[in-house]
PDB file of all heavy atoms in Angstrom:
ATOM      1  N   MET A   1    -117.896 -29.086  64.472  1.00  0.00           N
ATOM      2  CA  MET A   1    -118.591 -28.320  63.439  1.00  0.00           C
ATOM      3  C   MET A   1    -118.472 -29.029  62.099  1.00  0.00           C
ATOM      4  O   MET A   1    -117.372 -29.288  61.627  1.00  0.00           O
ATOM      5  CB  MET A   1    -118.008 -26.913  63.330  1.00  0.00           C
ATOM      6  CG  MET A   1    -118.688 -26.040  62.287  1.00  0.00           C
ATOM      7  SD  MET A   1    -118.008 -24.373  62.241  1.00  0.00           S
ATOM      8  CE  MET A   1    -116.320 -24.688  61.733  1.00  0.00           C
ATOM      9  N   LYS A   2    -119.591 -29.355  61.502  1.00  0.00           N
ATOM     10  CA  LYS A   2    -119.584 -30.043  60.219  1.00  0.00           C
ATOM     11  C   LYS A   2    -119.416 -29.023  59.094  1.00  0.00           C
ATOM     12  O   LYS A   2    -120.077 -27.988  59.058  1.00  0.00           O
ATOM     13  CB  LYS A   2    -120.894 -30.815  60.031  1.00  0.00           C
ATOM     14  CG  LYS A   2    -120.982 -31.576  58.721  1.00  0.00           C
ATOM     15  CD  LYS A   2    -122.301 -32.310  58.627  1.00  0.00           C
ATOM     16  CE  LYS A   2    -122.378 -33.082  57.309  1.00  0.00           C
ATOM     17  NZ  LYS A   2    -122.358 -32.178  56.150  1.00  0.00           N
ATOM     18  N   GLN A   3    -118.506 -29.312  58.177  1.00  0.00           N
ATOM     19  CA  GLN A   3    -118.286 -28.449  57.031  1.00  0.00           C
ATOM     20  C   GLN A   3    -118.606 -29.223  55.752  1.00  0.00           C
ATOM     21  O   GLN A   3    -118.413 -30.434  55.685  1.00  0.00           O
ATOM     22  CB  GLN A   3    -116.848 -27.947  57.001  1.00  0.00           C
ATOM     23  CG  GLN A   3    -116.471 -27.137  58.230  1.00  0.00           C
ATOM     24  CD  GLN A   3    -115.054 -26.599  58.149  1.00  0.00           C
ATOM     25  OE1 GLN A   3    -114.642 -26.082  57.129  1.00  0.00           O
ATOM     26  NE2 GLN A   3    -114.318 -26.712  59.240  1.00  0.00           N
ATOM     27  N   GLU A   4    -119.089 -28.524  54.759  1.00  0.00           N
ATOM     28  CA  GLU A   4    -119.475 -29.165  53.504  1.00  0.00           C
ATOM     29  C   GLU A   4    -118.479 -28.798  52.416  1.00  0.00           C
ATOM     30  O   GLU A   4    -118.191 -27.627  52.172  1.00  0.00           O
ATOM     31  CB  GLU A   4    -120.879 -28.703  53.092  1.00  0.00           C
ATOM     32  CG  GLU A   4    -121.481 -29.506  51.962  1.00  0.00           C
ATOM     33  CD  GLU A   4    -121.861 -30.927  52.370  1.00  0.00           C
ATOM     34  OE1 GLU A   4    -122.154 -31.154  53.554  1.00  0.00           O
ATOM     35  OE2 GLU A   4    -121.855 -31.804  51.489  1.00  0.00           O
ATOM     36  N   TYR A   5    -117.954 -29.830  51.763  1.00  0.00           N
ATOM     37  CA  TYR A   5    -117.035 -29.617  50.644  1.00  0.00           C
ATOM     38  C   TYR A   5    -117.660 -30.208  49.390  1.00  0.00           C
ATOM     39  O   TYR A   5    -118.077 -31.366  49.376  1.00  0.00           O
ATOM     40  CB  TYR A   5    -115.665 -30.255  50.922  1.00  0.00           C
ATOM     41  CG  TYR A   5    -114.885 -29.476  51.955  1.00  0.00           C
ATOM     42  CD1 TYR A   5    -115.060 -29.737  53.310  1.00  0.00           C
ATOM     43  CD2 TYR A   5    -114.012 -28.466  51.576  1.00  0.00           C
ATOM     44  CE1 TYR A   5    -114.363 -29.004  54.264  1.00  0.00           C
ATOM     45  CE2 TYR A   5    -113.312 -27.738  52.520  1.00  0.00           C
ATOM     46  CZ  TYR A   5    -113.494 -28.014  53.860  1.00  0.00           C
ATOM     47  OH  TYR A   5    -112.809 -27.281  54.802  1.00  0.00           O
ATOM     48  N   ILE A   6    -117.733 -29.395  48.360  1.00  0.00           N
ATOM     49  CA  ILE A   6    -118.422 -29.787  47.128  1.00  0.00           C
ATOM     50  C   ILE A   6    -117.412 -29.925  46.006  1.00  0.00           C
ATOM     51  O   ILE A   6    -116.552 -29.051  45.792  1.00  0.00           O
ATOM     52  CB  ILE A   6    -119.497 -28.749  46.751  1.00  0.00           C
ATOM     53  CG1 ILE A   6    -120.550 -28.662  47.870  1.00  0.00           C
ATOM     54  CG2 ILE A   6    -120.165 -29.106  45.430  1.00  0.00           C
ATOM     55  CD1 ILE A   6    -121.550 -27.545  47.685  1.00  0.00           C
ATOM     56  N   ASN A   7    -117.508 -31.017  45.274  1.00  0.00           N
ATOM     57  CA  ASN A   7    -116.654 -31.238  44.116  1.00  0.00           C
ATOM     58  C   ASN A   7    -117.076 -30.312  42.988  1.00  0.00           C
ATOM     59  O   ASN A   7    -118.196 -30.395  42.481  1.00  0.00           O
ATOM     60  CB  ASN A   7    -116.767 -32.703  43.674  1.00  0.00           C
ATOM     61  CG  ASN A   7    -115.937 -33.009  42.437  1.00  0.00           C
ATOM     62  OD1 ASN A   7    -115.093 -32.220  42.041  1.00  0.00           O
ATOM     63  ND2 ASN A   7    -116.182 -34.160  41.837  1.00  0.00           N
ATOM     64  N   SER A   8    -116.173 -29.413  42.588  1.00  0.00           N
ATOM     65  CA  SER A   8    -116.488 -28.465  41.516  1.00  0.00           C
ATOM     66  C   SER A   8    -116.221 -29.054  40.133  1.00  0.00           C
ATOM     67  O   SER A   8    -116.377 -28.369  39.127  1.00  0.00           O
ATOM     68  CB  SER A   8    -115.662 -27.182  41.694  1.00  0.00           C
ATOM     69  OG  SER A   8    -114.276 -27.449  41.579  1.00  0.00           O
ATOM     70  N   GLY A   9    -115.827 -30.331  40.093  1.00  0.00           N
ATOM     71  CA  GLY A   9    -115.517 -30.986  38.821  1.00  0.00           C
ATOM     72  C   GLY A   9    -114.188 -31.692  38.911  1.00  0.00           C
ATOM     73  O   GLY A   9    -113.220 -31.146  39.439  1.00  0.00           O
ATOM     74  N   ASN A  10    -114.120 -32.903  38.409  1.00  0.00           N
ATOM     75  CA  ASN A  10    -112.876 -33.675  38.505  1.00  0.00           C
ATOM     76  C   ASN A  10    -111.770 -33.084  37.633  1.00  0.00           C
ATOM     77  O   ASN A  10    -112.018 -32.719  36.479  1.00  0.00           O
ATOM     78  CB  ASN A  10    -113.123 -35.123  38.102  1.00  0.00           C
ATOM     79  CG  ASN A  10    -113.880 -35.899  39.163  1.00  0.00           C
ATOM     80  OD1 ASN A  10    -114.404 -35.332  40.116  1.00  0.00           O
ATOM     81  ND2 ASN A  10    -113.927 -37.203  39.010  1.00  0.00           N
ATOM     82  N   LYS A  11    -110.579 -32.988  38.210  1.00  0.00           N
ATOM     83  CA  LYS A  11    -109.404 -32.514  37.485  1.00  0.00           C
ATOM     84  C   LYS A  11    -108.188 -33.303  37.970  1.00  0.00           C
ATOM     85  O   LYS A  11    -108.147 -33.769  39.100  1.00  0.00           O
ATOM     86  CB  LYS A  11    -109.149 -31.020  37.740  1.00  0.00           C
ATOM     87  CG  LYS A  11    -110.135 -30.070  37.083  1.00  0.00           C
ATOM     88  CD  LYS A  11    -109.680 -28.629  37.297  1.00  0.00           C
ATOM     89  CE  LYS A  11    -110.559 -27.639  36.582  1.00  0.00           C
ATOM     90  NZ  LYS A  11    -110.074 -26.237  36.748  1.00  0.00           N
ATOM     91  N   ASP A  12    -107.196 -33.427  37.110  1.00  0.00           N
ATOM     92  CA  ASP A  12    -105.964 -34.112  37.506  1.00  0.00           C
ATOM     93  C   ASP A  12    -105.038 -33.140  38.224  1.00  0.00           C
ATOM     94  O   ASP A  12    -104.927 -31.977  37.855  1.00  0.00           O
ATOM     95  CB  ASP A  12    -105.273 -34.730  36.292  1.00  0.00           C
ATOM     96  CG  ASP A  12    -105.063 -33.730  35.166  1.00  0.00           C
ATOM     97  OD1 ASP A  12    -106.045 -33.084  34.752  1.00  0.00           O
ATOM     98  OD2 ASP A  12    -103.920 -33.573  34.698  1.00  0.00           O
ATOM     99  N   THR A  13    -104.356 -33.644  39.246  1.00  0.00           N
ATOM    100  CA  THR A  13    -103.483 -32.769  40.016  1.00  0.00           C
ATOM    101  C   THR A  13    -102.231 -32.352  39.240  1.00  0.00           C
ATOM    102  O   THR A  13    -101.658 -31.297  39.508  1.00  0.00           O
ATOM    103  CB  THR A  13    -103.090 -33.433  41.350  1.00  0.00           C
ATOM    104  OG1 THR A  13    -102.575 -34.752  41.110  1.00  0.00           O
ATOM    105  CG2 THR A  13    -104.286 -33.550  42.277  1.00  0.00           C
ATOM    106  N   ARG A  14    -101.820 -33.166  38.253  1.00  0.00           N
ATOM    107  CA  ARG A  14    -100.663 -32.760  37.443  1.00  0.00           C
ATOM    108  C   ARG A  14    -100.967 -31.465  36.672  1.00  0.00           C
ATOM    109  O   ARG A  14    -100.063 -30.660  36.442  1.00  0.00           O
ATOM    110  CB  ARG A  14    -100.255 -33.869  36.485  1.00  0.00           C
ATOM    111  CG  ARG A  14    -101.335 -34.283  35.512  1.00  0.00           C
ATOM    112  CD  ARG A  14    -100.868 -35.325  34.526  1.00  0.00           C
ATOM    113  NE  ARG A  14    -101.961 -35.819  33.705  1.00  0.00           N
ATOM    114  CZ  ARG A  14    -101.801 -36.481  32.571  1.00  0.00           C
ATOM    115  NH1 ARG A  14    -100.596 -36.725  32.119  1.00  0.00           N
ATOM    116  NH2 ARG A  14    -102.843 -36.901  31.887  1.00  0.00           N
ATOM    117  N   SER A  15    -102.229 -31.264  36.292  1.00  0.00           N
ATOM    118  CA  SER A  15    -102.597 -30.009  35.628  1.00  0.00           C
ATOM    119  C   SER A  15    -102.550 -28.841  36.601  1.00  0.00           C
ATOM    120  O   SER A  15    -102.256 -27.706  36.214  1.00  0.00           O
ATOM    121  CB  SER A  15    -103.993 -30.126  35.004  1.00  0.00           C
ATOM    122  OG  SER A  15    -103.964 -30.980  33.874  1.00  0.00           O
ATOM    123  N   GLY A  16    -102.845 -29.115  37.877  1.00  0.00           N
ATOM    124  CA  GLY A  16    -102.687 -28.082  38.898  1.00  0.00           C
ATOM    125  C   GLY A  16    -101.229 -27.665  39.018  1.00  0.00           C
ATOM    126  O   GLY A  16    -100.911 -26.478  39.173  1.00  0.00           O
ATOM    127  N   PHE A  17    -100.325 -28.638  38.928  1.00  0.00           N
ATOM    128  CA  PHE A  17     -98.901 -28.318  38.940  1.00  0.00           C
ATOM    129  C   PHE A  17     -98.533 -27.450  37.744  1.00  0.00           C
ATOM    130  O   PHE A  17     -97.844 -26.434  37.883  1.00  0.00           O
ATOM    131  CB  PHE A  17     -98.059 -29.588  38.926  1.00  0.00           C
ATOM    132  CG  PHE A  17     -96.626 -29.348  38.544  1.00  0.00           C
ATOM    133  CD1 PHE A  17     -95.770 -28.694  39.405  1.00  0.00           C
ATOM    134  CD2 PHE A  17     -96.146 -29.743  37.290  1.00  0.00           C
ATOM    135  CE1 PHE A  17     -94.438 -28.442  39.049  1.00  0.00           C
ATOM    136  CE2 PHE A  17     -94.836 -29.493  36.928  1.00  0.00           C
ATOM    137  CZ  PHE A  17     -93.977 -28.842  37.799  1.00  0.00           C
ATOM    138  N   GLY A  18     -98.982 -27.840  36.556  1.00  0.00           N
ATOM    139  CA  GLY A  18     -98.659 -27.065  35.358  1.00  0.00           C
ATOM    140  C   GLY A  18     -99.157 -25.635  35.453  1.00  0.00           C
ATOM    141  O   GLY A  18     -98.440 -24.690  35.089  1.00  0.00           O
ATOM    142  N   ALA A  19    -100.371 -25.456  35.981  1.00  0.00           N
ATOM    143  CA  ALA A  19    -100.936 -24.114  36.122  1.00  0.00           C
ATOM    144  C   ALA A  19    -100.166 -23.309  37.164  1.00  0.00           C
ATOM    145  O   ALA A  19     -99.903 -22.113  36.982  1.00  0.00           O
ATOM    146  CB  ALA A  19    -102.411 -24.209  36.511  1.00  0.00           C
ATOM    147  N   GLY A  20     -99.791 -23.956  38.264  1.00  0.00           N
ATOM    148  CA  GLY A  20     -99.046 -23.265  39.306  1.00  0.00           C
ATOM    149  C   GLY A  20     -97.649 -22.872  38.858  1.00  0.00           C
ATOM    150  O   GLY A  20     -97.168 -21.775  39.161  1.00  0.00           O
ATOM    151  N   LEU A  21     -96.999 -23.768  38.128  1.00  0.00           N
ATOM    152  CA  LEU A  21     -95.665 -23.471  37.607  1.00  0.00           C
ATOM    153  C   LEU A  21     -95.710 -22.272  36.672  1.00  0.00           C
ATOM    154  O   LEU A  21     -94.859 -21.365  36.748  1.00  0.00           O
ATOM    155  CB  LEU A  21     -95.109 -24.697  36.878  1.00  0.00           C
ATOM    156  CG  LEU A  21     -93.755 -24.536  36.199  1.00  0.00           C
ATOM    157  CD1 LEU A  21     -92.662 -24.280  37.222  1.00  0.00           C
ATOM    158  CD2 LEU A  21     -93.417 -25.786  35.365  1.00  0.00           C
ATOM    159  N   TYR A  22     -96.693 -22.248  35.799  1.00  0.00           N
ATOM    160  CA  TYR A  22     -96.821 -21.140  34.844  1.00  0.00           C
ATOM    161  C   TYR A  22     -97.077 -19.819  35.566  1.00  0.00           C
ATOM    162  O   TYR A  22     -96.450 -18.803  35.263  1.00  0.00           O
ATOM    163  CB  TYR A  22     -97.952 -21.438  33.868  1.00  0.00           C
ATOM    164  CG  TYR A  22     -98.093 -20.417  32.765  1.00  0.00           C
ATOM    165  CD1 TYR A  22     -97.309 -20.494  31.622  1.00  0.00           C
ATOM    166  CD2 TYR A  22     -99.010 -19.369  32.869  1.00  0.00           C
ATOM    167  CE1 TYR A  22     -97.420 -19.553  30.616  1.00  0.00           C
ATOM    168  CE2 TYR A  22     -99.126 -18.432  31.870  1.00  0.00           C
ATOM    169  CZ  TYR A  22     -98.335 -18.516  30.742  1.00  0.00           C
ATOM    170  OH  TYR A  22     -98.447 -17.586  29.746  1.00  0.00           O
ATOM    171  N   GLU A  23     -97.995 -19.848  36.548  1.00  0.00           N
ATOM    172  CA  GLU A  23     -98.321 -18.614  37.272  1.00  0.00           C
ATOM    173  C   GLU A  23     -97.126 -18.110  38.070  1.00  0.00           C
ATOM    174  O   GLU A  23     -96.845 -16.903  38.096  1.00  0.00           O
ATOM    175  CB  GLU A  23     -99.517 -18.849  38.192  1.00  0.00           C
ATOM    176  CG  GLU A  23     -99.987 -17.588  38.900  1.00  0.00           C
ATOM    177  CD  GLU A  23    -101.309 -17.758  39.607  1.00  0.00           C
ATOM    178  OE1 GLU A  23    -102.213 -18.413  39.037  1.00  0.00           O
ATOM    179  OE2 GLU A  23    -101.456 -17.238  40.738  1.00  0.00           O
ATOM    180  N   ALA A  24     -96.420 -19.014  38.725  1.00  0.00           N
ATOM    181  CA  ALA A  24     -95.248 -18.606  39.490  1.00  0.00           C
ATOM    182  C   ALA A  24     -94.180 -18.012  38.579  1.00  0.00           C
ATOM    183  O   ALA A  24     -93.525 -17.022  38.925  1.00  0.00           O
ATOM    184  CB  ALA A  24     -94.688 -19.800  40.259  1.00  0.00           C
ATOM    185  N   ALA A  25     -94.017 -18.602  37.400  1.00  0.00           N
ATOM    186  CA  ALA A  25     -92.994 -18.142  36.457  1.00  0.00           C
ATOM    187  C   ALA A  25     -93.322 -16.780  35.869  1.00  0.00           C
ATOM    188  O   ALA A  25     -92.413 -16.033  35.482  1.00  0.00           O
ATOM    189  CB  ALA A  25     -92.817 -19.169  35.349  1.00  0.00           C
ATOM    190  N   LEU A  26     -94.597 -16.452  35.777  1.00  0.00           N
ATOM    191  CA  LEU A  26     -94.993 -15.132  35.288  1.00  0.00           C
ATOM    192  C   LEU A  26     -94.419 -14.030  36.174  1.00  0.00           C
ATOM    193  O   LEU A  26     -94.081 -12.944  35.689  1.00  0.00           O
ATOM    194  CB  LEU A  26     -96.519 -15.013  35.267  1.00  0.00           C
ATOM    195  CG  LEU A  26     -97.275 -15.647  34.097  1.00  0.00           C
ATOM    196  CD1 LEU A  26     -98.774 -15.608  34.364  1.00  0.00           C
ATOM    197  CD2 LEU A  26     -96.954 -14.932  32.781  1.00  0.00           C
ATOM    198  N   ASN A  27     -94.326 -14.324  37.475  1.00  0.00           N
ATOM    199  CA  ASN A  27     -93.908 -13.316  38.447  1.00  0.00           C
ATOM    200  C   ASN A  27     -92.446 -13.430  38.851  1.00  0.00           C
ATOM    201  O   ASN A  27     -91.957 -12.581  39.600  1.00  0.00           O
ATOM    202  CB  ASN A  27     -94.795 -13.424  39.696  1.00  0.00           C
ATOM    203  CG  ASN A  27     -96.265 -13.216  39.378  1.00  0.00           C
ATOM    204  OD1 ASN A  27     -96.621 -12.271  38.691  1.00  0.00           O
ATOM    205  ND2 ASN A  27     -97.118 -14.100  39.871  1.00  0.00           N
ATOM    206  N   ASN A  28     -91.771 -14.467  38.363  1.00  0.00           N
ATOM    207  CA  ASN A  28     -90.370 -14.647  38.765  1.00  0.00           C
ATOM    208  C   ASN A  28     -89.567 -15.208  37.597  1.00  0.00           C
ATOM    209  O   ASN A  28     -89.631 -16.399  37.299  1.00  0.00           O
ATOM    210  CB  ASN A  28     -90.285 -15.594  39.966  1.00  0.00           C
ATOM    211  CG  ASN A  28     -88.897 -15.607  40.584  1.00  0.00           C
ATOM    212  OD1 ASN A  28     -87.898 -15.285  39.936  1.00  0.00           O
ATOM    213  ND2 ASN A  28     -88.828 -15.984  41.857  1.00  0.00           N
ATOM    214  N   PRO A  29     -88.773 -14.373  36.943  1.00  0.00           N
ATOM    215  CA  PRO A  29     -88.013 -14.823  35.772  1.00  0.00           C
ATOM    216  C   PRO A  29     -86.886 -15.794  36.114  1.00  0.00           C
ATOM    217  O   PRO A  29     -86.283 -16.376  35.203  1.00  0.00           O
ATOM    218  CB  PRO A  29     -87.447 -13.511  35.205  1.00  0.00           C
ATOM    219  CG  PRO A  29     -87.409 -12.574  36.364  1.00  0.00           C
ATOM    220  CD  PRO A  29     -88.587 -12.929  37.203  1.00  0.00           C
ATOM    221  N   GLU A  30     -86.587 -15.978  37.400  1.00  0.00           N
ATOM    222  CA  GLU A  30     -85.534 -16.917  37.790  1.00  0.00           C
ATOM    223  C   GLU A  30     -86.006 -18.362  37.773  1.00  0.00           C
ATOM    224  O   GLU A  30     -85.185 -19.288  37.844  1.00  0.00           O
ATOM    225  CB  GLU A  30     -84.996 -16.568  39.183  1.00  0.00           C
ATOM    226  CG  GLU A  30     -84.361 -15.189  39.280  1.00  0.00           C
ATOM    227  CD  GLU A  30     -83.257 -15.002  38.250  1.00  0.00           C
ATOM    228  OE1 GLU A  30     -82.413 -15.914  38.105  1.00  0.00           O
ATOM    229  OE2 GLU A  30     -83.241 -13.947  37.587  1.00  0.00           O
ATOM    230  N   ILE A  31     -87.312 -18.589  37.682  1.00  0.00           N
ATOM    231  CA  ILE A  31     -87.839 -19.951  37.649  1.00  0.00           C
ATOM    232  C   ILE A  31     -87.562 -20.574  36.285  1.00  0.00           C
ATOM    233  O   ILE A  31     -87.852 -19.984  35.243  1.00  0.00           O
ATOM    234  CB  ILE A  31     -89.349 -19.962  37.937  1.00  0.00           C
ATOM    235  CG1 ILE A  31     -89.607 -19.554  39.396  1.00  0.00           C
ATOM    236  CG2 ILE A  31     -89.954 -21.348  37.667  1.00  0.00           C
ATOM    237  CD1 ILE A  31     -91.072 -19.403  39.739  1.00  0.00           C
ATOM    238  N   ILE A  32     -86.985 -21.770  36.315  1.00  0.00           N
ATOM    239  CA  ILE A  32     -86.759 -22.531  35.091  1.00  0.00           C
ATOM    240  C   ILE A  32     -87.374 -23.918  35.258  1.00  0.00           C
ATOM    241  O   ILE A  32     -87.676 -24.341  36.379  1.00  0.00           O
ATOM    242  CB  ILE A  32     -85.257 -22.658  34.738  1.00  0.00           C
ATOM    243  CG1 ILE A  32     -84.501 -23.456  35.808  1.00  0.00           C
ATOM    244  CG2 ILE A  32     -84.633 -21.272  34.564  1.00  0.00           C
ATOM    245  CD1 ILE A  32     -83.062 -23.774  35.440  1.00  0.00           C
ATOM    246  N   ALA A  33     -87.578 -24.610  34.174  1.00  0.00           N
ATOM    247  CA  ALA A  33     -88.166 -25.947  34.218  1.00  0.00           C
ATOM    248  C   ALA A  33     -87.283 -26.926  33.456  1.00  0.00           C
ATOM    249  O   ALA A  33     -86.774 -26.607  32.378  1.00  0.00           O
ATOM    250  CB  ALA A  33     -89.570 -25.929  33.621  1.00  0.00           C
ATOM    251  N   LEU A  34     -87.107 -28.094  34.017  1.00  0.00           N
ATOM    252  CA  LEU A  34     -86.360 -29.175  33.385  1.00  0.00           C
ATOM    253  C   LEU A  34     -87.255 -30.397  33.346  1.00  0.00           C
ATOM    254  O   LEU A  34     -88.029 -30.641  34.272  1.00  0.00           O
ATOM    255  CB  LEU A  34     -85.087 -29.506  34.162  1.00  0.00           C
ATOM    256  CG  LEU A  34     -84.075 -28.394  34.423  1.00  0.00           C
ATOM    257  CD1 LEU A  34     -84.405 -27.633  35.696  1.00  0.00           C
ATOM    258  CD2 LEU A  34     -82.663 -28.962  34.531  1.00  0.00           C
ATOM    259  N   CYS A  35     -87.139 -31.188  32.279  1.00  0.00           N
ATOM    260  CA  CYS A  35     -88.018 -32.342  32.148  1.00  0.00           C
ATOM    261  C   CYS A  35     -87.288 -33.507  31.499  1.00  0.00           C
ATOM    262  O   CYS A  35     -86.371 -33.323  30.700  1.00  0.00           O
ATOM    263  CB  CYS A  35     -89.248 -31.968  31.320  1.00  0.00           C
ATOM    264  SG  CYS A  35     -90.587 -33.155  31.463  1.00  0.00           S
ATOM    265  N   ALA A  36     -87.709 -34.714  31.871  1.00  0.00           N
ATOM    266  CA  ALA A  36     -87.112 -35.940  31.343  1.00  0.00           C
ATOM    267  C   ALA A  36     -87.992 -36.517  30.238  1.00  0.00           C
ATOM    268  O   ALA A  36     -88.527 -37.613  30.359  1.00  0.00           O
ATOM    269  CB  ALA A  36     -86.901 -36.953  32.462  1.00  0.00           C
ATOM    270  N   ASP A  37     -88.160 -35.727  29.175  1.00  0.00           N
ATOM    271  CA  ASP A  37     -88.924 -36.150  28.003  1.00  0.00           C
ATOM    272  C   ASP A  37     -90.386 -36.411  28.314  1.00  0.00           C
ATOM    273  O   ASP A  37     -91.024 -37.274  27.706  1.00  0.00           O
ATOM    274  CB  ASP A  37     -88.291 -37.408  27.380  1.00  0.00           C
ATOM    275  CG  ASP A  37     -88.686 -37.571  25.909  1.00  0.00           C
ATOM    276  OD1 ASP A  37     -88.981 -36.551  25.265  1.00  0.00           O
ATOM    277  OD2 ASP A  37     -88.701 -38.713  25.427  1.00  0.00           O
ATOM    278  N   LEU A  38     -90.952 -35.646  29.265  1.00  0.00           N
ATOM    279  CA  LEU A  38     -92.333 -35.863  29.695  1.00  0.00           C
ATOM    280  C   LEU A  38     -93.077 -34.545  29.890  1.00  0.00           C
ATOM    281  O   LEU A  38     -93.921 -34.421  30.771  1.00  0.00           O
ATOM    282  CB  LEU A  38     -92.364 -36.659  31.007  1.00  0.00           C
ATOM    283  CG  LEU A  38     -91.903 -38.116  30.924  1.00  0.00           C
ATOM    284  CD1 LEU A  38     -91.645 -38.663  32.325  1.00  0.00           C
ATOM    285  CD2 LEU A  38     -92.941 -38.961  30.207  1.00  0.00           C
ATOM    286  N   ALA A  39     -92.763 -33.552  29.059  1.00  0.00           N
ATOM    287  CA  ALA A  39     -93.355 -32.229  29.239  1.00  0.00           C
ATOM    288  C   ALA A  39     -94.875 -32.275  29.159  1.00  0.00           C
ATOM    289  O   ALA A  39     -95.568 -31.617  29.942  1.00  0.00           O
ATOM    290  CB  ALA A  39     -92.808 -31.261  28.195  1.00  0.00           C
ATOM    291  N   GLY A  40     -95.418 -33.045  28.224  1.00  0.00           N
ATOM    292  CA  GLY A  40     -96.864 -33.154  28.106  1.00  0.00           C
ATOM    293  C   GLY A  40     -97.478 -33.857  29.290  1.00  0.00           C
ATOM    294  O   GLY A  40     -98.517 -33.434  29.828  1.00  0.00           O
TER     295      GLY A  40
END
């Protein structure tokens, strides 16, 4: 069965991580983030 996948617009996967981290943290106050001077 052939399936069609359409690009809805190019995005970087690191931004997907940032969005997922934020959403997960909204629902769980135990989530913390640590970074090696690369938050941006």
